[in-house]
Amino acid sequence: EDVDSGNKVEENTINLSEHTTNINISTGGEYNITGEFKNSIIVDSTDKVILNLNNVTIDSQITAAIANKNSGDLVINLVENTTNVLKDNGSSEYDGCIYSGNLIIEGNGTLKVYGRQEEGEGIATETKDITINGGDIYIESADDGLNAGGDGGIITINNGKVAVIGVVGGDYQAEDLKKAFNDANVNCDSLVVDKSRKTITKTRISGSCSHSITQQIVRI
């Protein structure tokens, strides 16, 4: 598995600067996050988890900065007047800088997301919804900025500001992508068109059984 489960934490106030390995949150509830580190926050709960990001910087070296591995909803709340920076690296099945099941982003702070994994995405779910209710969100990624999976996931932007930067080709896939962003009120003015290349597209093949959540098997 690409993500080590890390050290289990139970306290509701977490200073990342005090941790030198991944941290694991396995109990539903609300957590206040501060500080910075070069590891990952692993959420592994069947209940809803709320992460209040308060001037957080995460520069994960091998996988997603925040990875929600289980079926519980993940809420990321951007504390007012804060700037939060998330970066990932490497290559893993958790291929978004933020990777989750159902994901809600809200609050009045700023979130800067840098998806730097190989073919990595900015904010991604595996066939689940992404709902943005607030925040000033900037996404720069090697692949999709926002991806709600390939089987019925929906991106809904109710409030806040979202901007995506990346490179696309001069093809119909790029036009489809820009239309989808515009329909979702995502600022795509910073998308760069390079007519010498093709816009990246992909197909996910996923599977599950009766006692597990849907997992990606292969991506083409």
Protein backbone atom coordinates (compact mmCIF):
# COMPACT_ATOMS: atom_id res chain seq x y z
CA GLU A 1 0.00 0.00 0.00
CA ASP A 2 1.28 3.45 -0.89
CA VAL A 3 0.15 5.14 2.30
CA ASP A 4 1.44 4.02 5.66
CA SER A 5 -1.35 4.30 8.22
CA GLY A 6 0.95 6.38 10.45
CA ASN A 7 0.71 7.20 14.14
CA LYS A 8 -2.83 7.18 15.48
CA VAL A 9 -3.87 10.46 17.07
CA GLU A 10 -6.86 10.91 19.35
CA GLU A 11 -6.52 14.50 20.55
CA ASN A 12 -8.72 17.04 18.80
CA THR A 13 -6.01 19.71 18.57
CA ILE A 14 -3.09 18.63 16.39
CA ASN A 15 0.13 20.57 15.77
CA LEU A 16 1.71 18.96 12.73
CA SER A 17 5.10 20.42 13.63
CA GLU A 18 5.24 17.95 16.51
CA HIS A 19 5.00 14.92 14.20
CA THR A 20 7.73 13.30 12.09
CA THR A 21 5.59 10.57 10.47
CA ASN A 22 2.14 10.32 8.91
CA ILE A 23 -0.71 10.79 11.34
CA ASN A 24 -3.85 8.66 11.33
CA ILE A 25 -7.30 9.91 12.33
CA SER A 26 -9.59 6.92 12.80
CA THR A 27 -12.37 8.42 14.92
CA GLY A 28 -15.09 10.68 13.59
CA GLY A 29 -15.30 14.22 14.95
CA GLU A 30 -13.81 17.69 14.61
CA TYR A 31 -10.06 18.30 14.61
CA ASN A 32 -8.18 21.60 14.79
CA ILE A 33 -4.99 21.40 12.69
CA THR A 34 -2.03 23.80 12.86
CA GLY A 35 1.66 23.68 11.97
CA GLU A 36 3.59 22.11 9.14
CA PHE A 37 5.24 18.83 8.21
CA LYS A 38 6.44 16.72 5.26
CA ASN A 39 4.13 13.76 5.76
CA SER A 40 0.44 13.00 5.29
CA ILE A 41 -2.80 13.18 7.22
CA ILE A 42 -4.53 9.82 6.82
CA VAL A 43 -8.25 9.74 7.61
CA ASP A 44 -9.56 6.23 8.16
CA SER A 45 -13.05 6.48 9.66
CA THR A 46 -16.54 5.38 8.70
CA ASP A 47 -17.88 8.51 10.45
CA LYS A 48 -17.66 12.12 9.29
CA VAL A 49 -14.36 13.86 10.02
CA ILE A 50 -14.00 17.66 10.05
CA LEU A 51 -10.52 19.14 9.66
CA ASN A 52 -10.23 22.81 10.62
CA LEU A 53 -7.10 24.01 8.80
CA ASN A 54 -5.44 26.94 10.56
CA ASN A 55 -2.35 28.12 8.62
CA VAL A 56 -1.35 24.57 7.78
CA THR A 57 1.50 23.63 5.42
CA ILE A 58 1.85 20.01 4.27
CA ASP A 59 4.55 18.95 1.80
CA SER A 60 4.07 15.18 1.59
CA GLN A 61 7.02 13.41 0.01
CA ILE A 62 5.40 10.19 -1.27
CA THR A 63 1.64 10.52 -1.66
CA ALA A 64 -1.43 12.66 -0.97
CA ALA A 65 -1.16 15.46 1.58
CA ILE A 66 -4.58 14.47 2.93
CA ALA A 67 -5.96 11.01 2.12
CA ASN A 68 -9.38 9.83 3.25
CA LYS A 69 -9.18 6.04 2.91
CA ASN A 70 -12.51 5.01 4.37
CA SER A 71 -16.20 5.63 3.67
CA GLY A 72 -16.84 8.52 6.08
CA ASP A 73 -17.37 12.01 4.67
CA LEU A 74 -14.45 14.43 4.93
CA VAL A 75 -15.07 18.13 5.61
CA ILE A 76 -12.16 20.55 5.20
CA ASN A 77 -12.91 23.86 6.90
CA LEU A 78 -10.63 26.77 6.04
CA VAL A 79 -10.38 28.95 9.12
CA GLU A 80 -11.04 32.63 8.38
CA ASN A 81 -7.99 34.78 7.55
CA THR A 82 -5.66 31.78 7.21
CA THR A 83 -3.60 30.51 4.28
CA ASN A 84 -3.18 26.75 3.97
CA VAL A 85 -0.75 25.14 1.53
CA LEU A 86 -0.92 21.47 0.52
CA LYS A 87 1.64 19.72 -1.73
CA ASP A 88 2.20 16.09 -2.66
CA ASN A 89 4.92 14.12 -4.43
CA GLY A 90 5.74 10.63 -5.67
CA SER A 91 3.34 8.25 -7.37
CA SER A 92 0.53 6.40 -5.61
CA GLU A 93 -3.02 5.16 -5.94
CA TYR A 94 -4.06 8.16 -3.84
CA ASP A 95 -3.23 10.37 -6.79
CA GLY A 96 -4.73 13.66 -5.66
CA CYS A 97 -3.08 16.11 -3.30
CA ILE A 98 -6.42 15.85 -1.47
CA TYR A 99 -7.90 12.38 -2.04
CA SER A 100 -11.20 11.36 -0.51
CA GLY A 101 -14.62 9.83 -0.68
CA ASN A 102 -17.39 12.42 -0.33
CA LEU A 103 -15.58 15.72 0.20
CA ILE A 104 -16.84 19.11 1.40
CA ILE A 105 -14.66 22.23 1.46
CA GLU A 106 -15.94 25.28 3.32
CA GLY A 107 -14.90 28.30 5.37
CA ASN A 108 -13.45 31.75 4.69
CA GLY A 109 -9.74 31.01 4.49
CA THR A 110 -7.38 30.36 1.57
CA LEU A 111 -6.35 26.94 0.26
CA LYS A 112 -3.46 26.47 -2.17
CA VAL A 113 -3.19 22.97 -3.64
CA TYR A 114 -0.23 21.69 -5.66
CA GLY A 115 -0.79 18.26 -7.18
CA ARG A 116 2.76 17.14 -8.00
CA GLN A 117 2.52 13.36 -8.09
CA GLU A 118 3.26 11.66 -11.40
CA GLU A 119 0.04 12.23 -13.38
CA GLY A 120 -1.31 13.59 -10.11
CA GLU A 121 -4.47 15.58 -9.52
CA GLY A 122 -5.22 18.54 -7.31
CA ILE A 123 -8.41 17.53 -5.50
CA ALA A 124 -9.83 14.11 -6.34
CA THR A 125 -12.39 11.58 -5.17
CA GLU A 126 -13.01 8.00 -6.20
CA THR A 127 -16.50 8.16 -7.76
CA LYS A 128 -17.73 10.45 -4.95
CA ASP A 129 -18.95 14.06 -4.82
CA ILE A 130 -16.94 17.23 -4.26
CA THR A 131 -18.90 20.13 -2.76
CA ILE A 132 -17.33 23.56 -2.28
CA ASN A 133 -19.27 25.87 0.03
CA GLY A 134 -16.62 28.54 0.60
CA GLY A 135 -12.98 29.50 0.59
CA ASP A 136 -10.49 31.02 -1.83
CA ILE A 137 -9.06 27.96 -3.57
CA TYR A 138 -6.10 27.84 -5.96
CA ILE A 139 -5.18 24.55 -7.65
CA GLU A 140 -2.09 23.74 -9.68
CA SER A 141 -1.67 20.12 -10.78
CA ALA A 142 0.05 17.75 -13.19
CA ASP A 143 -3.34 16.37 -14.22
CA ASP A 144 -6.95 17.31 -13.38
CA GLY A 145 -7.38 20.18 -10.96
CA LEU A 146 -10.75 18.87 -9.74
CA ASN A 147 -11.84 15.29 -10.38
CA ALA A 148 -14.91 13.67 -8.84
CA GLY A 149 -14.07 10.21 -10.19
CA GLY A 150 -15.26 8.50 -13.31
CA ASP A 151 -18.57 6.94 -12.28
CA GLY A 152 -21.17 9.46 -11.24
CA GLY A 153 -19.28 11.79 -8.90
CA ILE A 154 -20.56 15.38 -9.01
CA ILE A 155 -18.67 18.65 -8.47
CA THR A 156 -20.85 21.35 -6.89
CA ILE A 157 -19.63 24.88 -6.16
CA ASN A 158 -22.12 26.76 -4.00
CA ASN A 159 -19.84 29.56 -2.85
CA GLY A 160 -16.21 30.58 -2.66
CA LYS A 161 -13.65 31.19 -5.41
CA VAL A 162 -11.86 28.43 -7.32
CA ALA A 163 -9.02 28.90 -9.82
CA VAL A 164 -7.23 26.15 -11.74
CA ILE A 165 -3.90 26.39 -13.59
CA GLY A 166 -2.55 23.78 -16.00
CA VAL A 167 -1.67 22.92 -19.60
CA VAL A 168 -4.14 21.58 -22.17
CA GLY A 169 -3.93 20.78 -25.87
CA GLY A 170 -5.65 22.50 -28.74
CA ASP A 171 -8.31 19.82 -29.06
CA TYR A 172 -11.97 19.17 -28.28
CA GLN A 173 -11.09 17.55 -24.95
CA ALA A 174 -9.66 20.90 -23.82
CA GLU A 175 -12.82 22.68 -24.89
CA ASP A 176 -14.94 20.14 -23.00
CA LEU A 177 -12.78 20.66 -19.93
CA LYS A 178 -13.05 24.45 -20.07
CA LYS A 179 -16.80 24.24 -20.54
CA ALA A 180 -17.11 21.97 -17.51
CA PHE A 181 -15.05 24.42 -15.44
CA ASN A 182 -17.08 27.40 -16.61
CA ASP A 183 -20.33 25.59 -15.87
CA ALA A 184 -19.05 24.99 -12.33
CA ASN A 185 -17.92 28.65 -11.88
CA VAL A 186 -14.26 27.65 -11.81
CA ASN A 187 -11.81 30.30 -13.05
CA CYS A 188 -9.80 28.68 -15.86
CA ASP A 189 -8.18 31.85 -17.25
CA SER A 190 -4.79 30.42 -16.26
CA LEU A 191 -5.13 27.27 -18.38
CA VAL A 192 -2.32 27.30 -20.95
CA VAL A 193 -3.07 25.95 -24.45
CA ASP A 194 -0.21 24.07 -26.10
CA LYS A 195 -1.32 22.96 -29.58
CA SER A 196 1.68 20.63 -29.87
CA ARG A 197 0.31 18.28 -27.22
CA LYS A 198 -2.90 16.41 -26.46
CA THR A 199 -5.09 17.11 -23.46
CA ILE A 200 -4.63 14.34 -20.91
CA THR A 201 -7.60 12.00 -20.63
CA LYS A 202 -7.96 8.81 -18.65
CA THR A 203 -10.24 5.97 -17.75
CA ARG A 204 -10.46 4.53 -14.24
CA ILE A 205 -11.43 0.90 -13.70
CA SER A 206 -12.74 0.37 -10.17
CA GLY A 207 -14.12 -2.55 -8.22
CA SER A 208 -15.62 -3.45 -4.87
CA CYS A 209 -17.31 -6.23 -2.97
CA SER A 210 -20.19 -6.19 -0.51
CA HIS A 211 -17.97 -5.46 2.52
CA SER A 212 -15.61 -2.87 1.07
CA ILE A 213 -15.61 0.59 -0.45
CA THR A 214 -14.93 1.08 -4.16
CA GLN A 215 -11.20 1.03 -4.94
CA GLN A 216 -9.34 1.91 -8.10
CA ILE A 217 -7.89 -1.19 -9.82
CA VAL A 218 -6.16 0.41 -12.79
CA ARG A 219 -6.07 3.72 -14.63
CA ILE A 220 -5.61 3.87 -18.41
